[in-house]
Amino acid sequence: MFDFFRSVKGKRAKDVGPEGLDPQTQHQQEREQFQEVLQSFNASRIEERLKVLDIFLSVEEHLTLSGLEGIIREKRPELLDREFLKETMEMFCQFGFAQKQVFETQEPVYEHHHLGMHHDHFICTRCGKIQEFANQNLERLQHEIARQFQFHPLQHKMEIYGLCAACMAQREPALSLQYAANGERVRIVTILGGREVQARLGDMGLAVGACLEIVSNHSSGPLIVANKGARLAINAGLAQKIMVSHVCRHGEES
């Protein structure tokens, strides 16, 4: 069994060919290889699993199990069996045809696993959009750092959480501090309220122009911000009176 699987993987690496292979040819090769693997293990419902693979490979995006069910319901309703689909997707991952990604606060997603092609992800914490990116300079830097520490990396992934361009475009120029996102840097632009509010915030070192980092903003607890190296807890009522604007990190030096 081990020898067969090793030969299938070797065949796959050779047959995929150079970059630029058209998706239809690549998908057909992967279908044939998956069929060989299933047959070698005497798997059940092979033809049905191949139909699921066809649908999965035809979708060039990250798919949740729920999302896959929606497509199956429309295109192949006879295959609509959540346990069967989950088992099949796990087989795709087990045999190297898909990767399962678990991002914070999201349902696990499945994506294609094309050999020799690595990419990382931007994840929007507001709308959930997942955007892939690849940067060879970044890859080389990671390997160089590993060499400096005499570490031998086998695999790695990078996940960057933030706000996508579309979500940023929908935001008001200034918003209440209570709506700022975890990890976001903001600048106080206005403080609503009278002298009492101004004085209270002043005692905390907060005034118009101050830059804050959102450490924790959850409905179950107080809003925690960082200001000049200190953590401050701000209740919801006070946070409503602090209007802030986003401070972009793009211009910062690493």
Protein backbone atom coordinates (compact mmCIF):
# COMPACT_ATOMS: atom_id res chain seq x y z
CA MET A 1 0.00 0.00 0.00
CA PHE A 2 2.82 2.40 0.89
CA ASP A 3 4.61 1.70 -2.40
CA PHE A 4 1.47 2.42 -4.40
CA PHE A 5 0.80 5.71 -2.68
CA ARG A 6 4.43 6.77 -3.13
CA SER A 7 4.21 5.99 -6.86
CA VAL A 8 0.98 7.96 -7.22
CA LYS A 9 2.53 10.99 -5.57
CA GLY A 10 5.59 10.68 -7.76
CA LYS A 11 3.45 10.43 -10.87
CA ARG A 12 1.45 13.45 -9.82
CA ALA A 13 4.51 15.62 -9.30
CA LYS A 14 5.85 14.68 -12.73
CA ASP A 15 2.59 15.00 -14.62
CA VAL A 16 1.51 18.38 -13.26
CA GLY A 17 4.18 19.94 -15.45
CA PRO A 18 5.43 23.53 -15.52
CA GLU A 19 3.58 26.55 -14.23
CA GLY A 20 0.90 27.75 -16.58
CA LEU A 21 -0.72 24.36 -17.15
CA ASP A 22 -4.34 25.11 -17.99
CA PRO A 23 -6.80 24.35 -15.16
CA GLN A 24 -8.87 21.88 -17.20
CA THR A 25 -5.84 19.67 -17.92
CA GLN A 26 -4.65 19.94 -14.34
CA HIS A 27 -8.08 19.05 -12.96
CA GLN A 28 -8.34 16.03 -15.28
CA GLN A 29 -4.97 14.77 -14.08
CA GLU A 30 -5.99 15.17 -10.45
CA ARG A 31 -9.26 13.35 -11.12
CA GLU A 32 -7.43 10.39 -12.63
CA GLN A 33 -4.94 10.29 -9.76
CA PHE A 34 -7.69 10.43 -7.14
CA GLN A 35 -9.52 7.60 -8.88
CA GLU A 36 -6.35 5.48 -8.76
CA VAL A 37 -5.94 6.14 -5.06
CA LEU A 38 -9.56 5.24 -4.30
CA GLN A 39 -9.35 2.04 -6.31
CA SER A 40 -6.13 1.01 -4.56
CA PHE A 41 -7.87 1.21 -1.19
CA ASN A 42 -11.09 -0.43 -2.44
CA ALA A 43 -12.99 2.68 -1.38
CA SER A 44 -16.76 2.74 -1.53
CA ARG A 45 -18.89 4.96 -3.80
CA ILE A 46 -15.95 5.86 -6.04
CA GLU A 47 -18.01 7.32 -8.88
CA GLU A 48 -19.96 9.52 -6.49
CA ARG A 49 -16.76 10.76 -4.85
CA LEU A 50 -15.35 11.61 -8.27
CA LYS A 51 -18.44 13.69 -9.00
CA VAL A 52 -17.88 15.59 -5.77
CA LEU A 53 -14.24 16.12 -6.79
CA ASP A 54 -15.35 17.50 -10.16
CA ILE A 55 -17.53 20.07 -8.41
CA PHE A 56 -14.83 20.95 -5.87
CA LEU A 57 -12.18 21.47 -8.57
CA SER A 58 -14.56 23.62 -10.63
CA VAL A 59 -14.88 26.18 -7.84
CA GLU A 60 -11.86 28.47 -7.57
CA GLU A 61 -12.54 29.67 -4.05
CA HIS A 62 -12.42 28.54 -0.44
CA LEU A 63 -15.39 26.31 0.32
CA THR A 64 -17.02 25.52 3.63
CA LEU A 65 -18.90 22.26 3.97
CA SER A 66 -22.12 24.29 4.02
CA GLY A 67 -21.06 26.08 0.84
CA LEU A 68 -20.32 22.77 -0.87
CA GLU A 69 -23.75 21.48 0.17
CA GLY A 70 -25.35 24.49 -1.50
CA ILE A 71 -23.59 23.78 -4.79
CA ILE A 72 -24.37 20.05 -4.56
CA ARG A 73 -28.02 20.85 -3.89
CA GLU A 74 -28.15 22.84 -7.13
CA LYS A 75 -26.00 20.66 -9.40
CA ARG A 76 -26.07 17.12 -7.96
CA PRO A 77 -28.96 16.84 -5.48
CA GLU A 78 -28.66 13.04 -5.46
CA LEU A 79 -25.31 13.44 -3.65
CA LEU A 80 -26.75 15.60 -0.87
CA ASP A 81 -25.63 13.69 2.21
CA ARG A 82 -23.69 15.79 4.74
CA GLU A 83 -21.83 12.87 6.33
CA PHE A 84 -20.84 11.49 2.92
CA LEU A 85 -19.67 14.92 1.73
CA LYS A 86 -17.69 15.50 4.94
CA GLU A 87 -16.07 12.06 4.64
CA THR A 88 -15.21 12.71 0.99
CA MET A 89 -13.67 16.11 1.71
CA GLU A 90 -11.56 14.58 4.47
CA MET A 91 -10.38 11.98 1.93
CA PHE A 92 -9.39 14.79 -0.45
CA CYS A 93 -7.24 16.22 2.35
CA GLN A 94 -5.85 12.83 3.42
CA PHE A 95 -4.65 12.03 -0.09
CA GLY A 96 -3.23 15.48 -0.82
CA PHE A 97 -5.86 16.88 -3.20
CA ALA A 98 -7.23 19.51 -0.81
CA GLN A 99 -6.20 21.42 2.28
CA LYS A 100 -8.40 22.15 5.25
CA GLN A 101 -7.92 25.61 6.73
CA VAL A 102 -9.29 26.70 10.10
CA PHE A 103 -9.34 30.48 10.41
CA GLU A 104 -10.35 32.33 13.57
CA THR A 105 -14.10 32.81 14.11
CA GLN A 106 -14.95 30.96 10.88
CA GLU A 107 -16.24 27.57 9.79
CA PRO A 108 -13.38 25.42 8.44
CA VAL A 109 -12.80 25.88 4.71
CA TYR A 110 -11.36 23.61 2.02
CA GLU A 111 -9.11 24.75 -0.82
CA HIS A 112 -7.31 23.07 -3.71
CA HIS A 113 -3.85 21.68 -3.00
CA HIS A 114 -1.69 22.21 -6.08
CA LEU A 115 1.73 20.70 -5.61
CA GLY A 116 4.69 23.06 -5.50
CA MET A 117 2.50 26.14 -5.07
CA HIS A 118 2.42 27.87 -1.68
CA HIS A 119 0.32 30.85 -0.75
CA ASP A 120 -0.79 32.70 2.38
CA HIS A 121 -4.02 34.42 3.37
CA PHE A 122 -5.59 37.75 4.25
CA ILE A 123 -8.80 37.27 6.30
CA CYS A 124 -11.29 40.10 6.73
CA THR A 125 -12.66 40.04 10.27
CA ARG A 126 -15.77 41.95 9.23
CA CYS A 127 -17.13 40.19 6.12
CA GLY A 128 -15.10 36.96 6.32
CA LYS A 129 -13.55 37.31 2.87
CA ILE A 130 -10.43 35.19 2.39
CA GLN A 131 -7.87 36.54 -0.07
CA GLU A 132 -4.84 34.53 -1.18
CA PHE A 133 -1.43 36.04 -1.83
CA ALA A 134 2.03 34.75 -2.70
CA ASN A 135 5.32 36.58 -2.35
CA GLN A 136 8.61 34.91 -3.24
CA ASN A 137 10.65 37.54 -1.37
CA LEU A 138 8.72 36.69 1.77
CA GLU A 139 9.30 32.98 1.22
CA ARG A 140 13.04 33.51 0.80
CA LEU A 141 13.18 35.66 3.91
CA GLN A 142 11.43 32.97 5.97
CA HIS A 143 13.94 30.34 4.82
CA GLU A 144 16.85 32.71 5.50
CA ILE A 145 15.61 33.30 9.05
CA ALA A 146 15.22 29.54 9.52
CA ARG A 147 18.85 29.03 8.41
CA GLN A 148 20.03 31.64 10.90
CA PHE A 149 18.40 29.64 13.70
CA GLN A 150 19.56 26.30 12.20
CA PHE A 151 15.92 25.29 11.97
CA HIS A 152 14.64 22.96 9.26
CA PRO A 153 11.09 24.02 8.29
CA LEU A 154 8.74 21.40 6.91
CA GLN A 155 5.66 23.51 6.37
CA HIS A 156 4.34 26.92 7.31
CA LYS A 157 1.39 29.25 6.88
CA MET A 158 0.73 32.93 7.36
CA GLU A 159 -2.67 34.36 8.25
CA ILE A 160 -3.11 38.14 8.35
CA TYR A 161 -6.35 39.38 9.91
CA GLY A 162 -7.75 42.80 9.21
CA LEU A 163 -10.25 44.66 7.05
CA CYS A 164 -10.54 44.22 3.30
CA ALA A 165 -10.68 47.19 0.93
CA ALA A 166 -14.43 46.82 0.40
CA CYS A 167 -15.20 46.90 4.12
CA MET A 168 -12.91 49.88 4.66
CA ALA A 169 -14.64 51.75 1.85
CA GLN A 170 -18.04 51.26 3.54
CA ARG A 171 -16.93 52.75 6.84
CA GLU A 172 -17.60 56.31 7.86
CA PRO A 173 -14.52 58.59 8.07
CA ALA A 174 -15.11 58.71 11.82
CA LEU A 175 -16.87 56.12 13.95
CA SER A 176 -17.54 55.45 17.59
CA LEU A 177 -14.68 53.69 19.38
CA GLN A 178 -17.02 50.83 20.28
CA TYR A 179 -17.12 49.80 16.59
CA ALA A 180 -13.36 49.66 16.06
CA ALA A 181 -11.99 46.19 15.26
CA ASN A 182 -9.64 44.09 17.37
CA GLY A 183 -6.03 44.92 16.51
CA GLU A 184 -6.95 48.18 14.77
CA ARG A 185 -5.03 51.41 15.35
CA VAL A 186 -7.18 54.52 15.59
CA ARG A 187 -6.80 58.22 16.34
CA ILE A 188 -9.29 60.17 18.46
CA VAL A 189 -10.83 62.91 16.31
CA THR A 190 -13.74 64.08 18.47
CA ILE A 191 -15.00 63.58 22.01
CA LEU A 192 -18.74 63.96 22.44
CA GLY A 193 -20.04 65.24 25.76
CA GLY A 194 -19.41 68.03 28.20
CA ARG A 195 -16.58 68.99 30.49
CA GLU A 196 -17.16 66.04 32.81
CA VAL A 197 -16.57 63.55 30.01
CA GLN A 198 -13.57 65.51 28.74
CA ALA A 199 -12.06 65.60 32.22
CA ARG A 200 -12.68 61.92 32.85
CA LEU A 201 -10.96 60.93 29.61
CA GLY A 202 -8.20 63.45 30.24
CA ASP A 203 -7.44 61.71 33.53
CA MET A 204 -6.96 58.51 31.49
CA GLY A 205 -4.59 60.28 29.12
CA LEU A 206 -7.13 60.34 26.30
CA ALA A 207 -7.64 63.49 24.26
CA VAL A 208 -8.20 64.49 20.64
CA GLY A 209 -5.19 63.38 18.60
CA ALA A 210 -4.26 60.42 20.81
CA CYS A 211 -3.52 57.14 19.00
CA LEU A 212 -4.96 53.92 20.42
CA GLU A 213 -4.62 50.24 19.60
CA ILE A 214 -7.70 48.06 20.14
CA VAL A 215 -6.50 45.20 22.32
CA SER A 216 -9.87 43.56 22.97
CA ASN A 217 -13.34 44.53 21.81
CA HIS A 218 -15.90 41.87 22.68
CA SER A 219 -19.54 42.21 23.68
CA SER A 220 -18.93 40.01 26.73
CA GLY A 221 -16.44 42.34 28.40
CA PRO A 222 -15.01 45.86 28.61
CA LEU A 223 -13.25 47.50 25.69
CA ILE A 224 -9.49 47.32 26.26
CA VAL A 225 -7.23 49.77 24.44
CA ALA A 226 -3.50 50.45 24.57
CA ASN A 227 -2.23 54.01 24.87
CA LYS A 228 1.48 54.80 25.28
CA GLY A 229 2.26 51.32 26.56
CA ALA A 230 -0.61 51.21 29.07
CA ARG A 231 -3.83 49.17 28.89
CA LEU A 232 -7.05 51.01 29.60
CA ALA A 233 -10.54 49.60 30.18
CA ILE A 234 -13.34 51.75 28.75
CA ASN A 235 -17.01 51.02 29.36
CA ALA A 236 -19.54 51.01 26.54
CA GLY A 237 -21.12 54.33 27.51
CA LEU A 238 -17.82 56.15 27.44
CA ALA A 239 -16.67 54.40 24.24
CA GLN A 240 -19.77 55.73 22.46
CA LYS A 241 -18.60 59.29 23.09
CA ILE A 242 -15.13 58.78 21.58
CA MET A 243 -15.08 59.25 17.81
CA VAL A 244 -12.05 57.83 16.04
CA SER A 245 -10.59 57.39 12.56
CA HIS A 246 -8.50 54.51 11.24
CA VAL A 247 -4.71 54.89 11.28
CA CYS A 248 -3.25 53.00 8.34
CA ARG A 249 -0.20 50.82 9.01
CA HIS A 250 0.97 50.72 5.37
CA GLY A 251 3.47 53.50 5.84
CA GLU A 252 5.10 52.00 8.93
CA GLU A 253 8.57 50.59 8.82
CA SER A 254 8.92 47.01 9.97
